[in-house]
Protein backbone atom coordinates (compact mmCIF):
# COMPACT_ATOMS: atom_id res chain seq x y z
CA MET A 1 90.48 110.27 64.51
CA LYS A 2 89.03 112.31 67.36
CA ALA A 3 90.40 111.59 70.81
CA ASN A 4 89.97 112.92 74.33
CA ASN A 5 86.37 113.79 73.69
CA PHE A 6 84.76 116.09 76.21
CA PRO A 7 81.59 114.37 77.58
CA SER A 8 79.42 117.54 77.23
CA LEU A 9 80.21 119.62 74.15
CA THR A 10 80.90 123.30 74.41
CA TRP A 11 81.43 125.97 71.72
CA ASN A 12 83.33 124.64 68.74
CA PHE A 13 85.29 127.86 68.24
CA LEU A 14 87.07 127.22 71.56
CA LYS A 15 88.63 124.08 69.98
CA ILE A 16 88.53 122.24 73.25
CA ASN A 17 85.90 119.54 72.68
CA ASN A 18 88.50 117.02 71.56
CA THR A 19 91.85 116.64 69.86
CA SER A 20 92.95 114.95 66.64
CA LEU A 21 95.11 111.87 66.40
CA GLU A 22 96.44 110.98 62.94
CA SER A 23 96.91 107.25 63.57
CA ILE A 24 98.01 104.65 66.05
CA GLU A 25 100.94 102.60 64.83
CA GLY A 26 103.88 100.63 66.00
CA SER A 27 104.93 97.17 66.97
CA GLN A 28 104.20 95.57 70.36
CA CYS A 29 106.49 96.90 73.05
CA GLU A 30 108.76 94.53 74.98
CA PRO A 31 109.17 96.30 78.31
CA ALA A 32 111.42 95.38 81.17
CA VAL A 33 109.08 93.93 83.86
CA SER A 34 109.88 93.48 87.54
CA LEU A 35 107.10 91.45 89.18
CA ALA A 36 106.25 91.14 92.86
CA ASP A 37 105.17 88.22 94.98
CA GLY A 38 101.39 87.72 94.60
CA VAL A 39 101.27 89.18 91.06
CA ALA A 40 101.15 86.90 88.02
CA ALA A 41 101.72 88.09 84.43
CA VAL A 42 100.46 86.24 81.35
CA GLU A 43 99.83 87.14 77.72
CA SER A 44 96.13 86.81 77.29
CA LYS A 45 93.08 88.88 76.54
CA CYS A 46 90.08 88.68 78.86
CA LYS A 47 86.79 89.90 77.41
CA CYS A 48 85.83 91.21 80.81
CA PHE A 49 87.94 94.28 80.02
CA ASP A 50 86.25 95.04 76.72
CA SER A 51 83.48 97.05 78.40
CA ILE A 52 85.87 99.34 80.27
CA ALA A 53 85.94 102.80 78.66
CA THR A 54 89.28 104.64 78.53
CA GLY A 55 90.07 108.36 78.68
CA MET A 56 91.01 108.82 75.01
CA GLY A 57 87.54 107.71 73.93
CA ALA A 58 85.58 105.12 71.96
CA GLU A 59 87.03 106.06 68.54
CA PHE A 60 90.53 105.57 69.90
CA ASP A 61 89.59 102.23 71.52
CA ALA A 62 88.14 100.92 68.26
CA ALA A 63 91.27 101.87 66.38
CA PHE A 64 93.50 100.41 69.08
CA ASP A 65 91.55 97.11 68.92
CA GLU A 66 92.40 96.91 65.18
CA LEU A 67 96.10 96.51 66.13
CA LYS A 68 95.22 93.08 67.60
CA LEU A 69 97.88 93.24 70.25
CA LYS A 70 98.51 90.54 72.77
CA ALA A 71 97.38 91.82 76.14
CA ARG A 72 99.85 91.80 79.01
CA LYS A 73 97.61 90.82 81.92
CA PHE A 74 98.64 91.25 85.57
CA SER A 75 96.57 89.35 88.19
CA VAL A 76 96.84 90.25 91.86
CA ASP A 77 95.96 87.52 94.31
CA ALA A 78 92.95 88.13 96.55
CA GLY A 79 93.83 89.46 99.97
CA LYS A 80 97.48 90.00 99.00
CA LYS A 81 99.48 93.15 99.72
CA THR A 82 102.25 93.29 97.13
CA ASP A 83 105.46 95.17 96.52
CA THR A 84 105.76 97.51 93.50
CA VAL A 85 105.54 96.07 89.99
CA ARG A 86 107.69 98.08 87.59
CA VAL A 87 107.14 98.07 83.82
CA VAL A 88 109.70 100.15 81.87
CA TYR A 89 109.32 100.93 78.19
CA SER A 90 112.35 102.08 76.16
CA ALA A 91 112.05 103.22 72.58
CA GLU A 92 115.18 103.46 70.44
CA ASN A 93 114.29 103.46 66.75
CA ASP A 94 110.76 102.16 66.04
CA SER A 95 107.34 103.12 67.35
CA CYS A 96 105.97 100.75 69.95
CA VAL A 97 102.62 100.34 71.74
CA ASP A 98 101.29 98.00 74.44
CA GLU A 99 98.05 96.66 75.88
CA ILE A 100 97.85 96.27 79.66
CA GLN A 101 95.19 94.62 81.79
CA ILE A 102 95.24 94.62 85.62
CA ALA A 103 92.87 92.41 87.60
CA ALA A 104 93.02 93.06 91.31
CA GLY A 105 91.47 90.36 93.50
CA GLU A 106 89.16 91.11 96.45
CA GLY A 107 90.86 92.74 99.38
CA SER A 108 94.23 93.06 97.58
CA GLU A 109 96.62 96.02 97.65
CA SER A 110 99.02 96.59 94.78
CA ASN A 111 101.24 99.24 93.23
CA PHE A 112 102.18 99.43 89.53
CA ILE A 113 104.64 101.80 87.88
CA PHE A 114 104.68 102.26 84.10
CA ALA A 115 107.65 104.35 82.88
CA PHE A 116 108.00 105.54 79.28
CA LYS A 117 111.51 106.40 78.03
CA SER A 118 113.06 107.03 74.63
CA ALA A 119 116.41 107.90 73.08
CA GLU A 120 116.89 111.66 72.61
CA GLY A 121 116.70 111.40 68.80
CA PHE A 122 113.64 109.16 68.80
CA ASP A 123 110.77 110.87 66.91
CA GLY A 124 108.26 108.01 66.74
CA THR A 125 105.34 107.00 69.01
CA ILE A 126 105.38 105.18 72.32
CA GLY A 127 102.24 104.52 74.39
CA ALA A 128 99.87 102.10 75.97
CA ARG A 129 96.21 101.38 76.80
CA ILE A 130 95.82 100.36 80.42
CA ARG A 131 92.62 99.00 81.91
CA VAL A 132 92.03 98.06 85.53
CA ILE A 133 89.36 96.06 87.33
CA ALA A 134 89.46 96.49 91.09
CA LYS A 135 87.24 93.98 92.77
CA ASP A 136 85.53 94.56 96.12
CA ASN A 137 87.78 96.09 98.86
CA ALA A 138 90.81 96.16 96.53
CA LEU A 139 93.31 99.06 96.35
CA VAL A 140 95.18 99.59 93.11
CA ARG A 141 97.80 102.30 92.69
CA VAL A 142 99.06 103.01 89.14
CA GLY A 143 101.96 105.34 88.41
CA LEU A 144 102.37 106.62 84.81
CA VAL A 145 105.64 108.45 84.12
CA ASN A 146 106.75 110.07 80.84
CA LEU A 147 110.55 110.47 80.75
CA CYS A 148 110.87 110.49 76.96
CA GLY A 149 113.19 112.57 74.76
CA LYS A 150 112.21 115.92 73.31
CA SER A 151 111.08 114.53 69.91
CA ALA A 152 108.87 111.63 70.97
CA LYS A 153 105.10 111.36 70.62
CA THR A 154 103.41 109.66 73.61
CA PHE A 155 99.92 108.54 74.55
CA VAL A 156 98.34 106.76 77.49
CA SER A 157 94.68 105.83 77.59
CA PHE A 158 93.72 104.63 81.05
CA GLY A 159 90.39 103.21 82.22
CA SER A 160 89.17 101.54 85.43
CA LYS A 161 86.17 99.96 87.05
CA ALA A 162 85.86 99.80 90.84
CA GLY A 163 83.75 97.37 92.92
CA ASP A 164 82.24 97.85 96.34
CA ASN A 165 84.60 99.82 98.66
CA ALA A 166 87.36 99.46 96.06
CA THR A 167 89.89 102.27 95.41
CA VAL A 168 91.87 103.10 92.27
CA GLU A 169 94.64 105.68 92.50
CA THR A 170 96.66 107.09 89.57
CA THR A 171 99.66 109.33 89.57
CA GLU A 172 100.52 110.76 86.15
CA ILE A 173 103.78 112.70 85.63
CA ILE A 174 104.30 113.98 82.11
CA LEU A 175 107.68 115.57 81.57
CA GLY A 176 109.07 114.56 78.18
CA GLY A 177 107.92 114.22 74.60
CA LYS A 178 107.03 116.74 71.94
CA ASP A 179 103.36 115.81 71.45
CA ASN A 180 101.49 114.03 74.26
CA ILE A 181 97.86 112.87 74.42
CA TRP A 182 96.80 111.26 77.66
CA GLY A 183 93.33 110.22 78.86
CA ASN A 184 91.98 108.94 82.21
CA TYR A 185 88.49 107.48 82.67
CA ASN A 186 87.22 105.95 85.93
CA ALA A 187 83.87 104.19 86.47
CA LEU A 188 82.86 104.19 90.12
CA GLU A 189 80.17 101.55 90.04
CA GLY A 190 80.57 99.92 93.40
CA TYR A 191 79.11 101.11 96.68
CA LYS A 192 81.53 103.46 98.38
CA SER A 193 84.13 103.02 95.65
CA HIS A 194 86.88 105.66 95.30
CA PHE A 195 89.18 107.26 92.73
CA ASN A 196 92.15 109.43 93.70
CA GLY A 197 94.23 111.13 91.01
CA HIS A 198 97.42 113.09 91.09
CA ASN A 199 98.74 114.74 87.88
CA ALA A 200 101.86 116.84 87.23
CA TYR A 201 103.12 118.08 83.88
CA LEU A 202 105.88 120.23 82.37
CA VAL A 203 105.28 121.59 78.87
CA ASN A 204 108.27 123.32 77.43
CA ASP A 205 108.79 125.48 74.31
CA LYS A 206 107.26 124.04 71.11
CA GLU A 207 105.70 121.12 73.00
CA SER A 208 102.04 120.20 73.37
CA LEU A 209 99.99 118.28 75.90
CA ASP A 210 96.31 117.27 75.69
CA VAL A 211 94.71 115.62 78.76
CA ASN A 212 91.21 114.32 79.31
CA TYR A 213 89.99 113.19 82.78
CA VAL A 214 86.55 111.75 83.52
CA SER A 215 85.21 110.43 86.79
CA LEU A 216 81.85 108.67 86.30
CA HIS A 217 79.81 108.24 89.48
CA THR A 218 77.06 105.61 89.27
CA GLY A 219 77.40 103.84 92.63
CA ARG A 220 76.06 105.28 95.92
CA GLU A 221 78.42 107.11 98.24
CA THR A 222 81.26 107.09 95.73
CA GLU A 223 84.09 109.62 95.90
CA SER A 224 86.64 110.98 93.44
CA THR A 225 89.46 113.49 93.71
CA MET A 226 91.82 114.90 91.06
CA ALA A 227 94.68 117.25 91.95
CA VAL A 228 96.69 118.69 89.09
CA ASP A 229 99.88 120.77 89.17
CA GLY A 230 101.45 121.95 85.90
CA VAL A 231 103.92 124.30 84.28
CA VAL A 232 103.76 125.65 80.73
CA GLY A 233 106.60 127.70 79.20
CA GLY A 234 107.86 129.16 75.91
CA THR A 235 105.38 128.57 73.14
CA GLY A 236 104.03 125.40 74.75
CA LYS A 237 100.40 124.34 74.33
CA LYS A 238 98.35 122.63 76.98
CA THR A 239 94.71 121.54 77.15
CA TRP A 240 93.22 119.91 80.28
CA ARG A 241 89.60 118.70 80.46
CA GLY A 242 88.34 117.49 83.82
CA THR A 243 84.84 116.11 84.24
CA ILE A 244 83.03 114.84 87.31
CA ASP A 245 79.85 113.12 86.07
CA PHE A 246 77.19 112.39 88.70
CA ARG A 247 74.58 110.02 87.28
CA ASN A 248 71.13 109.35 88.65
CA GLY A 249 71.32 106.92 91.55
CA CYS A 250 74.73 107.92 92.92
CA ALA A 251 73.28 109.62 95.97
CA GLU A 252 75.67 110.89 98.68
CA SER A 253 78.61 110.85 96.27
CA LYS A 254 81.36 113.48 96.27
CA GLY A 255 83.74 114.79 93.66
CA ASP A 256 86.60 117.30 93.69
CA GLU A 257 88.92 118.37 90.85
CA GLN A 258 91.46 121.22 91.01
CA GLU A 259 94.11 122.31 88.53
CA ASN A 260 96.93 124.76 89.33
CA VAL A 261 98.95 126.05 86.37
CA LEU A 262 102.08 128.12 86.35
CA LEU A 263 102.69 130.05 83.13
CA LEU A 264 106.28 131.01 82.45
CA ASP A 265 105.88 132.96 79.21
CA PRO A 266 103.17 135.25 77.71
CA LYS A 267 103.27 133.19 74.47
CA VAL A 268 102.00 129.96 76.02
CA GLU A 269 98.59 128.58 75.02
CA ASN A 270 96.75 127.21 78.07
CA LYS A 271 93.19 125.79 78.07
CA SER A 272 91.56 124.47 81.23
CA LEU A 273 88.04 123.11 81.34
CA PRO A 274 86.92 121.83 84.80
CA VAL A 275 83.26 120.73 84.67
CA ILE A 276 80.69 119.02 86.85
CA LEU A 277 77.74 117.25 85.16
CA CYS A 278 74.89 116.41 87.58
CA ASP A 279 71.84 114.21 87.25
CA GLU A 280 71.48 113.48 90.97
CA GLU A 281 70.46 115.95 93.69
CA ALA A 282 72.09 114.44 96.77
CA VAL A 283 75.72 114.92 95.76
CA GLU A 284 78.60 117.27 96.58
CA GLY A 285 80.95 118.54 93.88
CA ARG A 286 83.80 121.04 93.71
CA HIS A 287 85.93 122.09 90.77
CA GLY A 288 88.22 124.88 89.76
CA ALA A 289 91.41 125.99 88.09
CA SER A 290 94.05 128.44 89.25
CA ILE A 291 96.17 129.92 86.44
CA GLY A 292 98.91 132.49 86.85
CA ARG A 293 102.57 133.54 86.80
CA LEU A 294 105.11 133.98 89.51
CA GLY A 295 103.93 136.98 91.58
CA LYS A 296 106.04 140.07 91.84
CA GLU A 297 106.08 139.72 95.65
CA ILE A 298 107.53 136.20 95.48
CA LEU A 299 110.14 137.25 92.89
CA PHE A 300 111.12 140.26 94.97
CA TYR A 301 111.42 138.16 98.07
CA MET A 302 113.65 135.55 96.31
CA GLN A 303 115.74 138.17 94.49
CA SER A 304 116.35 140.00 97.78
CA ARG A 305 117.98 136.74 98.98
CA GLY A 306 120.19 136.28 95.94
CA VAL A 307 117.83 134.01 93.89
CA ASP A 308 117.42 135.15 90.33
CA GLU A 309 114.16 134.80 88.33
CA LYS A 310 115.30 131.66 86.37
CA THR A 311 116.34 129.88 89.56
CA ALA A 312 113.10 130.86 91.24
CA GLN A 313 111.15 129.35 88.35
CA ASN A 314 113.15 126.14 88.57
CA LEU A 315 112.44 125.91 92.30
CA MET A 316 108.73 126.24 91.66
CA ILE A 317 108.81 123.58 88.93
CA ARG A 318 110.64 121.16 91.13
CA ALA A 319 108.22 121.76 93.98
CA LYS A 320 105.17 121.02 91.78
CA ILE A 321 106.65 117.86 90.26
CA ASN A 322 107.92 116.63 93.64
CA THR A 323 104.38 116.86 95.09
CA ALA A 324 103.21 114.28 92.54
CA ALA A 325 106.44 112.18 92.67
CA ARG A 326 105.90 111.48 96.37
CA CYS A 327 102.56 109.84 95.47
CA LEU A 328 104.21 107.17 93.30
CA GLY A 329 105.01 104.94 96.22
CA ASP A 330 108.31 103.97 94.59
CA GLU A 331 111.49 105.80 95.65
CA LYS A 332 113.50 104.67 92.63
CA THR A 333 111.00 106.08 90.16
CA ALA A 334 110.49 109.24 92.19
CA GLN A 335 114.26 109.88 92.10
CA GLU A 336 114.32 109.27 88.29
CA VAL A 337 111.55 111.86 87.97
CA MET A 338 113.41 114.51 89.96
CA ASP A 339 116.66 113.76 88.14
CA PHE A 340 114.87 114.25 84.81
CA VAL A 341 113.51 117.61 86.03
CA GLY A 342 117.01 118.62 87.05
CA LYS A 343 118.25 117.80 83.56
CA GLU A 344 115.56 120.08 82.11
CA ASP A 345 116.59 123.09 84.24
């Protein structure tokens, strides 16, 4: 199937319009869940989530629905400010997938962490579809962390819908896995609704990462930001699509997406496609990508102080990942992320 479809097609020969996904398979995951006061978890499936698009696309969603999984629904009480809810997936032998629904009540503030881990020899699939409804004046933070072994295949398809003055924030840190396909789609329907995204990734030799990010502005005075920091080394392959879509009627809205990529080897394959689609005049959009290697001046400065090139690269990697890890709002997970990066050095 086709996944991570770019909203506005470009030249086919660039091979960036979408990616291919052979199949979605696996039993339902049984994660370790740590709840917080004010958050209830039940196994149910609310049809109110069916209309929420997710980043990997309609074809993926249709195939995922065929799995007929039980949805793990988290409900946040209205007006409640909660502690962090942690959901940890651990794959040992068999592929596993999960369906997550988050309903945040009016005026609530919540933080969710979803961590994906696997045994080093695991070569199956681990992933989830996560959909969020943030009601008026709600704030929902979602951290998505990939700490899988080198042979795993991972996917996360995220989608959200925000009400009036509601905010959805995601922090995605993708460090492990051999083949990773992640999508993030956010519908800003409510008046003055917001989306804030932070993304960091590390693609090593013989690994691949395909990311699709879409921010759909339909409400007035909506605002979205996406800040991406990544590192690609060896013969790694990475594709990042970022789209800010201003629809007619979203007057006075703002969007900003920026990707910064550090290339560690001349053999890497890096594709970056930041795009703004505009059907409304009274909007403000900014997008861009910065792609390069460690400058000779920086290397000379570090080497003159006894820091070799490899150590300098590791320092830059840790700095990029740490920037995103600080946005998780959970010290335990942030430390796990930095420990994982240290293991990769």
